[in-house]
C-alpha atoms as a PDB file:
ATOM      1  CA  MET A   1      77.314  79.438 120.102  1.00  0.00           C
ATOM      2  CA  ILE A   2      77.250  75.721 120.448  1.00  0.00           C
ATOM      3  CA  ALA A   3      78.898  74.826 117.331  1.00  0.00           C
ATOM      4  CA  SER A   4      79.803  76.217 113.940  1.00  0.00           C
ATOM      5  CA  HIS A   5      76.764  74.540 112.426  1.00  0.00           C
ATOM      6  CA  PHE A   6      74.221  75.320 115.406  1.00  0.00           C
ATOM      7  CA  ASP A   7      71.660  77.917 114.446  1.00  0.00           C
ATOM      8  CA  TRP A   8      71.738  79.428 117.986  1.00  0.00           C
ATOM      9  CA  GLU A   9      69.430  82.366 117.253  1.00  0.00           C
ATOM     10  CA  ARG A  10      66.866  80.101 115.851  1.00  0.00           C
ATOM     11  CA  HIS A  11      66.889  77.604 118.806  1.00  0.00           C
ATOM     12  CA  ALA A  12      68.360  79.858 121.794  1.00  0.00           C
ATOM     13  CA  SER A  13      64.712  80.081 123.245  1.00  0.00           C
ATOM     14  CA  ARG A  14      64.135  76.397 123.495  1.00  0.00           C
ATOM     15  CA  ALA A  15      67.791  75.147 124.024  1.00  0.00           C
ATOM     16  CA  GLU A  16      69.333  77.810 126.297  1.00  0.00           C
ATOM     17  CA  PRO A  17      67.650  76.715 129.871  1.00  0.00           C
ATOM     18  CA  LEU A  18      69.347  73.517 129.466  1.00  0.00           C
ATOM     19  CA  LEU A  19      72.917  74.901 129.252  1.00  0.00           C
ATOM     20  CA  LYS A  20      72.062  77.643 131.606  1.00  0.00           C
ATOM     21  CA  PHE A  21      71.161  75.370 134.243  1.00  0.00           C
ATOM     22  CA  LEU A  22      74.311  73.576 133.936  1.00  0.00           C
ATOM     23  CA  GLU A  23      76.603  76.760 133.486  1.00  0.00           C
ATOM     24  CA  GLU A  24      75.067  78.106 136.877  1.00  0.00           C
ATOM     25  CA  LEU A  25      75.965  74.990 138.780  1.00  0.00           C
ATOM     26  CA  ASN A  26      79.689  76.021 138.746  1.00  0.00           C
ATOM     27  CA  GLU A  27      80.583  72.416 138.446  1.00  0.00           C
ATOM     28  CA  PRO A  28      82.241  70.664 135.305  1.00  0.00           C
ATOM     29  CA  PHE A  29      80.065  69.359 132.745  1.00  0.00           C
ATOM     30  CA  GLY A  30      80.531  67.893 129.232  1.00  0.00           C
ATOM     31  CA  LEU A  31      78.921  69.222 125.917  1.00  0.00           C
ATOM     32  CA  GLU A  32      78.414  66.776 123.143  1.00  0.00           C
ATOM     33  CA  HIS A  33      76.921  67.493 119.473  1.00  0.00           C
ATOM     34  CA  SER A  34      75.283  65.124 117.124  1.00  0.00           C
ATOM     35  CA  PHE A  35      73.482  65.086 113.911  1.00  0.00           C
ATOM     36  CA  ARG A  36      70.842  62.551 112.432  1.00  0.00           C
ATOM     37  CA  VAL A  37      70.792  60.940 108.882  1.00  0.00           C
ATOM     38  CA  CYS A  38      67.334  59.746 107.884  1.00  0.00           C
ATOM     39  CA  PRO A  39      64.837  59.599 105.194  1.00  0.00           C
ATOM     40  CA  ARG A  40      63.419  63.129 106.476  1.00  0.00           C
ATOM     41  CA  GLY A  41      66.721  64.622 106.010  1.00  0.00           C
ATOM     42  CA  ILE A  42      69.754  65.604 107.930  1.00  0.00           C
ATOM     43  CA  PHE A  43      69.173  67.254 111.399  1.00  0.00           C
ATOM     44  CA  ALA A  44      72.363  69.060 112.880  1.00  0.00           C
ATOM     45  CA  HIS A  45      70.709  71.170 115.681  1.00  0.00           C
ATOM     46  CA  ARG A  46      71.078  68.402 118.768  1.00  0.00           C
ATOM     47  CA  PHE A  47      73.197  68.379 121.860  1.00  0.00           C
ATOM     48  CA  LEU A  48      73.540  66.367 124.989  1.00  0.00           C
ATOM     49  CA  ALA A  49      75.114  68.134 128.054  1.00  0.00           C
ATOM     50  CA  SER A  50      76.196  65.853 130.902  1.00  0.00           C
ATOM     51  CA  THR A  51      77.607  66.253 134.565  1.00  0.00           C
ATOM     52  CA  ALA A  52      77.840  63.940 137.566  1.00  0.00           C
ATOM     53  CA  ARG A  53      74.669  63.566 139.563  1.00  0.00           C
ATOM     54  CA  THR A  54      76.366  64.720 142.580  1.00  0.00           C
ATOM     55  CA  SER A  55      76.754  68.248 141.169  1.00  0.00           C
ATOM     56  CA  VAL A  56      73.010  68.778 141.067  1.00  0.00           C
ATOM     57  CA  ASP A  57      70.097  68.959 143.590  1.00  0.00           C
ATOM     58  CA  CYS A  58      67.345  66.544 142.468  1.00  0.00           C
ATOM     59  CA  GLN A  59      64.477  68.958 142.908  1.00  0.00           C
ATOM     60  CA  ALA A  60      66.241  71.477 141.120  1.00  0.00           C
ATOM     61  CA  VAL A  61      66.545  69.062 138.072  1.00  0.00           C
ATOM     62  CA  VAL A  62      62.873  68.361 138.513  1.00  0.00           C
ATOM     63  CA  GLU A  63      61.707  71.976 138.488  1.00  0.00           C
ATOM     64  CA  LEU A  64      63.733  72.534 135.184  1.00  0.00           C
ATOM     65  CA  CYS A  65      62.039  69.830 133.697  1.00  0.00           C
ATOM     66  CA  LEU A  66      58.700  70.830 134.612  1.00  0.00           C
ATOM     67  CA  ARG A  67      59.503  74.725 133.441  1.00  0.00           C
ATOM     68  CA  LEU A  68      60.322  73.011 130.003  1.00  0.00           C
ATOM     69  CA  GLY A  69      57.158  71.163 129.860  1.00  0.00           C
ATOM     70  CA  ILE A  70      57.789  67.526 130.931  1.00  0.00           C
ATOM     71  CA  PRO A  71      54.259  65.967 131.458  1.00  0.00           C
ATOM     72  CA  ASN A  72      53.430  66.348 135.283  1.00  0.00           C
ATOM     73  CA  HIS A  73      53.109  62.794 135.935  1.00  0.00           C
ATOM     74  CA  CYS A  74      56.555  62.000 134.644  1.00  0.00           C
ATOM     75  CA  SER A  75      58.385  64.133 137.228  1.00  0.00           C
ATOM     76  CA  GLY A  76      58.204  61.558 139.915  1.00  0.00           C
ATOM     77  CA  GLU A  77      59.904  59.227 137.739  1.00  0.00           C
ATOM     78  CA  VAL A  78      62.835  61.873 137.345  1.00  0.00           C
ATOM     79  CA  HIS A  79      63.244  62.368 141.149  1.00  0.00           C
ATOM     80  CA  HIS A  80      63.165  58.609 141.615  1.00  0.00           C
ATOM     81  CA  HIS A  81      65.944  57.774 138.946  1.00  0.00           C
ATOM     82  CA  LEU A  82      67.896  60.632 139.891  1.00  0.00           C
ATOM     83  CA  GLU A  83      68.272  59.568 143.343  1.00  0.00           C
ATOM     84  CA  SER A  84      70.274  56.483 142.585  1.00  0.00           C
ATOM     85  CA  ALA A  85      71.892  57.910 139.293  1.00  0.00           C
ATOM     86  CA  LYS A  86      75.575  58.334 138.605  1.00  0.00           C
ATOM     87  CA  PHE A  87      75.326  60.934 135.935  1.00  0.00           C
ATOM     88  CA  LEU A  88      72.458  63.410 134.454  1.00  0.00           C
ATOM     89  CA  HIS A  89      72.251  64.157 130.682  1.00  0.00           C
ATOM     90  CA  LEU A  90      70.185  66.804 129.364  1.00  0.00           C
ATOM     91  CA  GLY A  91      69.537  67.003 125.733  1.00  0.00           C
ATOM     92  CA  TYR A  92      67.961  68.868 122.923  1.00  0.00           C
ATOM     93  CA  GLU A  93      67.270  67.832 119.228  1.00  0.00           C
ATOM     94  CA  GLU A  94      65.429  69.459 116.110  1.00  0.00           C
ATOM     95  CA  GLY A  95      63.171  67.204 114.390  1.00  0.00           C
ATOM     96  CA  SER A  96      61.255  67.333 110.985  1.00  0.00           C
ATOM     97  CA  ALA A  97      58.106  68.714 112.446  1.00  0.00           C
ATOM     98  CA  SER A  98      59.242  69.726 116.342  1.00  0.00           C
ATOM     99  CA  CYS A  99      62.024  69.518 118.885  1.00  0.00           C
ATOM    100  CA  LEU A 100      62.373  67.380 121.588  1.00  0.00           C
ATOM    101  CA  TYR A 101      63.510  67.859 124.980  1.00  0.00           C
ATOM    102  CA  LYS A 102      65.598  64.718 126.702  1.00  0.00           C
ATOM    103  CA  ILE A 103      66.778  63.883 130.213  1.00  0.00           C
ATOM    104  CA  TYR A 104      69.042  60.610 130.839  1.00  0.00           C
ATOM    105  CA  LEU A 105      69.321  59.219 134.253  1.00  0.00           C
ATOM    106  CA  GLU A 106      72.800  57.111 133.923  1.00  0.00           C
ATOM    107  CA  THR A 107      72.774  54.325 136.485  1.00  0.00           C
ATOM    108  CA  GLY A 108      76.566  53.486 136.282  1.00  0.00           C
ATOM    109  CA  HIS A 109      75.820  49.969 137.035  1.00  0.00           C
ATOM    110  CA  ASP A 110      78.441  47.292 136.147  1.00  0.00           C
ATOM    111  CA  CYS A 111      77.748  44.197 134.038  1.00  0.00           C
ATOM    112  CA  GLU A 112      79.267  40.421 133.841  1.00  0.00           C
ATOM    113  CA  PRO A 113      80.753  39.715 130.748  1.00  0.00           C
ATOM    114  CA  GLU A 114      77.964  38.536 128.353  1.00  0.00           C
ATOM    115  CA  GLY A 115      75.452  39.916 130.955  1.00  0.00           C
ATOM    116  CA  SER A 116      73.103  43.049 130.339  1.00  0.00           C
ATOM    117  CA  VAL A 117      72.086  45.747 132.669  1.00  0.00           C
ATOM    118  CA  VAL A 118      69.864  49.134 132.243  1.00  0.00           C
ATOM    119  CA  GLN A 119      72.239  51.653 131.986  1.00  0.00           C
ATOM    120  CA  HIS A 120      70.093  54.773 131.392  1.00  0.00           C
ATOM    121  CA  HIS A 121      66.577  55.461 132.301  1.00  0.00           C
ATOM    122  CA  ALA A 122      65.394  58.470 129.885  1.00  0.00           C
ATOM    123  CA  ILE A 123      62.090  60.587 129.095  1.00  0.00           C
ATOM    124  CA  LYS A 124      61.825  62.576 125.948  1.00  0.00           C
ATOM    125  CA  TRP A 125      58.937  64.836 125.398  1.00  0.00           C
ATOM    126  CA  ASP A 126      57.869  67.538 122.649  1.00  0.00           C
ATOM    127  CA  SER A 127      58.776  71.139 123.505  1.00  0.00           C
ATOM    128  CA  ILE A 128      55.472  72.180 122.070  1.00  0.00           C
ATOM    129  CA  ASP A 129      52.909  69.366 122.730  1.00  0.00           C
ATOM    130  CA  ASN A 130      54.021  67.438 125.750  1.00  0.00           C
ATOM    131  CA  SER A 131      51.364  64.810 125.353  1.00  0.00           C
ATOM    132  CA  LYS A 132      53.881  63.400 122.823  1.00  0.00           C
ATOM    133  CA  TYR A 133      56.487  62.043 125.005  1.00  0.00           C
ATOM    134  CA  VAL A 134      58.244  58.505 125.474  1.00  0.00           C
ATOM    135  CA  ARG A 135      59.910  56.591 128.007  1.00  0.00           C
ATOM    136  CA  SER A 136      63.372  54.870 126.816  1.00  0.00           C
ATOM    137  CA  LYS A 137      65.631  52.268 128.483  1.00  0.00           C
ATOM    138  CA  TYR A 138      69.290  51.870 127.417  1.00  0.00           C
ATOM    139  CA  ILE A 139      70.506  48.311 128.063  1.00  0.00           C
ATOM    140  CA  TRP A 140      73.942  47.774 128.127  1.00  0.00           C
ATOM    141  CA  TYR A 141      75.036  44.329 126.546  1.00  0.00           C
ATOM    142  CA  ARG A 142      78.449  43.391 127.486  1.00  0.00           C
ATOM    143  CA  LEU A 143      79.419  41.603 124.248  1.00  0.00           C
ATOM    144  CA  GLN A 144      82.776  40.099 123.552  1.00  0.00           C
ATOM    145  CA  THR A 145      83.040  39.290 119.694  1.00  0.00           C
ATOM    146  CA  VAL A 146      81.868  41.044 116.764  1.00  0.00           C
ATOM    147  CA  THR A 147      79.719  37.964 116.029  1.00  0.00           C
ATOM    148  CA  ASN A 148      78.117  38.806 119.175  1.00  0.00           C
ATOM    149  CA  VAL A 149      77.184  42.319 117.909  1.00  0.00           C
ATOM    150  CA  LEU A 150      76.373  41.391 114.409  1.00  0.00           C
ATOM    151  CA  ASP A 151      73.741  38.792 115.411  1.00  0.00           C
ATOM    152  CA  ARG A 152      71.992  41.609 117.667  1.00  0.00           C
ATOM    153  CA  LEU A 153      72.148  44.090 114.920  1.00  0.00           C
ATOM    154  CA  ASP A 154      70.660  41.371 112.655  1.00  0.00           C
ATOM    155  CA  ALA A 155      67.584  41.095 115.098  1.00  0.00           C
ATOM    156  CA  ILE A 156      67.324  44.957 115.364  1.00  0.00           C
ATOM    157  CA  TYR A 157      67.211  45.323 111.614  1.00  0.00           C
ATOM    158  CA  GLY A 158      65.324  42.243 110.557  1.00  0.00           C
ATOM    159  CA  GLY A 159      64.890  41.166 106.828  1.00  0.00           C
ATOM    160  CA  ASP A 160      63.641  44.389 105.439  1.00  0.00           C
ATOM    161  CA  SER A 161      66.525  46.765 106.062  1.00  0.00           C
ATOM    162  CA  GLU A 162      69.643  44.652 104.695  1.00  0.00           C
ATOM    163  CA  SER A 163      71.266  47.959 103.103  1.00  0.00           C
ATOM    164  CA  SER A 164      71.337  49.913 106.306  1.00  0.00           C
ATOM    165  CA  LEU A 165      72.411  46.337 108.312  1.00  0.00           C
ATOM    166  CA  GLU A 166      75.358  46.316 105.921  1.00  0.00           C
ATOM    167  CA  ILE A 167      76.192  49.928 106.535  1.00  0.00           C
ATOM    168  CA  ALA A 168      76.078  49.291 110.155  1.00  0.00           C
ATOM    169  CA  ARG A 169      78.168  46.241 110.126  1.00  0.00           C
ATOM    170  CA  ASP A 170      80.833  47.938 108.353  1.00  0.00           C
ATOM    171  CA  MET A 171      80.919  50.640 110.746  1.00  0.00           C
ATOM    172  CA  ILE A 172      81.231  48.410 113.576  1.00  0.00           C
ATOM    173  CA  PHE A 173      84.124  46.451 111.751  1.00  0.00           C
ATOM    174  CA  LEU A 174      85.806  49.643 111.596  1.00  0.00           C
ATOM    175  CA  GLY A 175      85.454  50.366 115.171  1.00  0.00           C
ATOM    176  CA  ALA A 176      86.468  46.864 116.038  1.00  0.00           C
ATOM    177  CA  SER A 177      89.567  47.177 114.075  1.00  0.00           C
ATOM    178  CA  ARG A 178      90.824  49.841 116.513  1.00  0.00           C
ATOM    179  CA  ILE A 179      89.684  48.683 119.869  1.00  0.00           C
ATOM    180  CA  PRO A 180      88.424  45.242 121.680  1.00  0.00           C
ATOM    181  CA  VAL A 181      84.749  44.907 120.655  1.00  0.00           C
ATOM    182  CA  GLU A 182      83.777  45.007 124.691  1.00  0.00           C
ATOM    183  CA  ASP A 183      85.219  48.664 124.731  1.00  0.00           C
ATOM    184  CA  LEU A 184      82.583  49.866 122.052  1.00  0.00           C
ATOM    185  CA  HIS A 185      80.067  49.436 125.049  1.00  0.00           C
ATOM    186  CA  TYR A 186      77.246  48.108 123.001  1.00  0.00           C
ATOM    187  CA  MET A 187      73.712  49.354 123.892  1.00  0.00           C
ATOM    188  CA  GLU A 188      70.173  48.837 122.751  1.00  0.00           C
ATOM    189  CA  VAL A 189      67.142  51.237 123.256  1.00  0.00           C
ATOM    190  CA  THR A 190      63.787  50.143 123.917  1.00  0.00           C
ATOM    191  CA  GLU A 191      60.679  52.308 124.255  1.00  0.00           C
ATOM    192  CA  SER A 192      57.362  50.761 125.413  1.00  0.00           C
ATOM    193  CA  GLY A 193      54.583  51.358 122.694  1.00  0.00           C
ATOM    194  CA  SER A 194      57.101  52.464 120.096  1.00  0.00           C
ATOM    195  CA  LEU A 195      58.563  51.096 117.075  1.00  0.00           C
ATOM    196  CA  ARG A 196      62.039  52.417 118.268  1.00  0.00           C
ATOM    197  CA  SER A 197      64.527  49.525 118.063  1.00  0.00           C
ATOM    198  CA  SER A 198      67.950  50.652 117.871  1.00  0.00           C
ATOM    199  CA  PHE A 199      71.656  50.212 119.076  1.00  0.00           C
ATOM    200  CA  ASP A 200      74.094  52.739 120.515  1.00  0.00           C
ATOM    201  CA  ILE A 201      77.964  52.240 120.602  1.00  0.00           C
ATOM    202  CA  ASN A 202      80.699  54.296 122.071  1.00  0.00           C
ATOM    203  CA  PHE A 203      83.789  54.895 119.489  1.00  0.00           C
ATOM    204  CA  TYR A 204      85.501  57.488 121.676  1.00  0.00           C
ATOM    205  CA  SER A 205      88.372  55.093 122.463  1.00  0.00           C
ATOM    206  CA  ALA A 206      88.862  54.024 118.842  1.00  0.00           C
ATOM    207  CA  GLU A 207      90.335  57.628 118.164  1.00  0.00           C
ATOM    208  CA  LEU A 208      88.286  57.884 114.984  1.00  0.00           C
ATOM    209  CA  ARG A 209      87.274  61.177 113.421  1.00  0.00           C
ATOM    210  CA  VAL A 210      83.602  62.222 111.926  1.00  0.00           C
ATOM    211  CA  GLN A 211      85.338  62.183 108.397  1.00  0.00           C
ATOM    212  CA  ASP A 212      86.133  58.346 108.764  1.00  0.00           C
ATOM    213  CA  LEU A 213      82.310  57.749 108.919  1.00  0.00           C
ATOM    214  CA  VAL A 214      81.443  59.855 105.797  1.00  0.00           C
ATOM    215  CA  PRO A 215      81.788  56.929 103.114  1.00  0.00           C
ATOM    216  CA  PHE A 216      79.345  54.882 105.165  1.00  0.00           C
ATOM    217  CA  LEU A 217      76.969  57.775 105.715  1.00  0.00           C
ATOM    218  CA  VAL A 218      77.117  58.624 102.010  1.00  0.00           C
ATOM    219  CA  ARG A 219      75.767  55.088 101.443  1.00  0.00           C
ATOM    220  CA  ALA A 220      72.952  55.988 104.076  1.00  0.00           C
ATOM    221  CA  CYS A 221      72.037  59.125 102.083  1.00  0.00           C
ATOM    222  CA  GLU A 222      71.833  57.052  98.971  1.00  0.00           C
ATOM    223  CA  ARG A 223      69.652  54.680 100.636  1.00  0.00           C
ATOM    224  CA  TYR A 224      67.435  57.144 102.146  1.00  0.00           C
ATOM    225  CA  SER A 225      67.253  59.547  99.158  1.00  0.00           C
ATOM    226  CA  THR A 226      68.822  62.269 101.372  1.00  0.00           C
ATOM    227  CA  SER A 227      70.814  65.014 100.242  1.00  0.00           C
ATOM    228  CA  ILE A 228      74.587  64.069 100.066  1.00  0.00           C
ATOM    229  CA  SER A 229      75.620  67.782  99.371  1.00  0.00           C
ATOM    230  CA  GLU A 230      74.141  68.749 102.725  1.00  0.00           C
ATOM    231  CA  LEU A 231      76.146  65.830 104.434  1.00  0.00           C
ATOM    232  CA  GLN A 232      79.163  66.751 102.659  1.00  0.00           C
ATOM    233  CA  SER A 233      78.686  70.523 103.604  1.00  0.00           C
ATOM    234  CA  LEU A 234      78.086  69.730 107.272  1.00  0.00           C
ATOM    235  CA  CYS A 235      81.107  67.158 107.434  1.00  0.00           C
ATOM    236  CA  ASP A 236      83.335  69.675 105.686  1.00  0.00           C
ATOM    237  CA  SER A 237      82.874  71.660 108.965  1.00  0.00           C
ATOM    238  CA  ILE A 238      82.974  68.987 111.617  1.00  0.00           C
ATOM    239  CA  GLY A 239      84.891  66.266 109.849  1.00  0.00           C
ATOM    240  CA  GLY A 240      87.966  66.490 112.109  1.00  0.00           C
ATOM    241  CA  GLU A 241      85.753  66.367 115.414  1.00  0.00           C
ATOM    242  CA  VAL A 242      86.585  63.031 117.599  1.00  0.00           C
ATOM    243  CA  LEU A 243      84.195  60.468 116.729  1.00  0.00           C
ATOM    244  CA  GLY A 244      81.964  59.784 119.680  1.00  0.00           C
ATOM    245  CA  HIS A 245      78.890  57.558 119.723  1.00  0.00           C
ATOM    246  CA  LEU A 246      76.910  55.854 116.714  1.00  0.00           C
ATOM    247  CA  ALA A 247      73.421  55.117 116.971  1.00  0.00           C
ATOM    248  CA  GLY A 248      71.280  53.447 114.425  1.00  0.00           C
ATOM    249  CA  GLY A 249      68.386  51.184 113.817  1.00  0.00           C
ATOM    250  CA  ILE A 250      64.619  51.850 113.547  1.00  0.00           C
ATOM    251  CA  HIS A 251      63.282  55.150 115.011  1.00  0.00           C
ATOM    252  CA  ARG A 252      59.975  55.338 116.844  1.00  0.00           C
ATOM    253  CA  ASN A 253      58.333  56.840 113.706  1.00  0.00           C
ATOM    254  CA  GLY A 254      59.200  53.705 111.791  1.00  0.00           C
ATOM    255  CA  ASP A 255      62.020  55.307 109.611  1.00  0.00           C
ATOM    256  CA  GLU A 256      65.642  53.864 109.453  1.00  0.00           C
ATOM    257  CA  PHE A 257      68.406  56.258 110.836  1.00  0.00           C
ATOM    258  CA  PHE A 258      72.074  56.854 111.939  1.00  0.00           C
ATOM    259  CA  ASN A 259      72.980  59.520 114.841  1.00  0.00           C
ATOM    260  CA  VAL A 260      76.525  60.494 115.004  1.00  0.00           C
ATOM    261  CA  TYR A 261      77.726  62.047 118.147  1.00  0.00           C
ATOM    262  CA  TYR A 262      81.004  63.711 118.425  1.00  0.00           C
ATOM    263  CA  GLY A 263      83.312  66.352 119.724  1.00  0.00           C
ATOM    264  CA  VAL A 264      82.519  66.320 123.389  1.00  0.00           C
ATOM    265  CA  GLU A 265      83.865  69.637 124.998  1.00  0.00           C
ATOM    266  CA  GLN A 266      84.686  69.912 128.715  1.00  0.00           C
ATOM    267  CA  ARG A 267      83.269  73.209 130.234  1.00  0.00           C
ATOM    268  CA  GLN A 268      83.204  74.543 133.608  1.00  0.00           C
ATOM    269  CA  GLY A 269      80.077  76.831 135.153  1.00  0.00           C
ATOM    270  CA  GLN A 270      80.989  80.381 136.127  1.00  0.00           C
ATOM    271  CA  SER A 271      78.229  81.235 138.626  1.00  0.00           C
ATOM    272  CA  PRO A 272      77.521  80.048 142.149  1.00  0.00           C
ATOM    273  CA  ALA A 273      75.653  77.156 142.536  1.00  0.00           C
ATOM    274  CA  HIS A 274      71.859  77.841 142.453  1.00  0.00           C
ATOM    275  CA  GLY A 275      68.848  76.422 144.232  1.00  0.00           C
ATOM    276  CA  PRO A 276      65.602  75.277 142.433  1.00  0.00           C
ATOM    277  CA  ILE A 277      64.598  77.158 139.350  1.00  0.00           C
ATOM    278  CA  ARG A 278      61.539  79.392 139.700  1.00  0.00           C
ATOM    279  CA  GLY A 279      58.969  80.425 137.114  1.00  0.00           C
END
């Protein structure tokens, strides 16, 4: 069982290979859960598993991705970015109509104050129809003030999403009241040929809990006509978890959304390191 709210039986056949791969490395890895609030509902069957790039064999990772159906022509990109990556992140998420596999290659590059740098290269593909895939770039903007962050949020949301912009602003104010803005590690996500325009902010250092965001997420549910009772039921079970990342903006399908990442668990693989996965 990944978490108390995760329907493992329902998702095991698709989600298990990602965790099994890391567990068999006999190396430490982190497991982070998340949920999405959007007009299509609340989706809580999502996780991200992370490890140091030096813990894995590049070819083994490529073969895992191929086994899970990544488009063949993307496998070379995975290998290329893996060779210079500092961290590997493998993800799974349930959506309204299908499920996605995700791989993120984190560069670990530093950034000058007020500068920007690509922090992650990612590929995400539909678990049933791999013709549906996207390439994403996560760009770290090393912002120094709340005003800098709010200016970028204005550009993401535009003039038609004032309510969501206000919710995002208020959550930023909450984080910035606890830690310096620079420590929020503000990133933006771009996807070629997609409507995606979003941000990602790291709240771990702020030492907040998921329950601290509930008032803001209730406002999001009201805007999206999404079930508040479903949100409250979920947060009753995970409200005490440490708040991790907050993502939001415009999804590739054109919907507004907020993703809440929380409760990263440190795990240790138990089996001897393996070679490339077969089959």
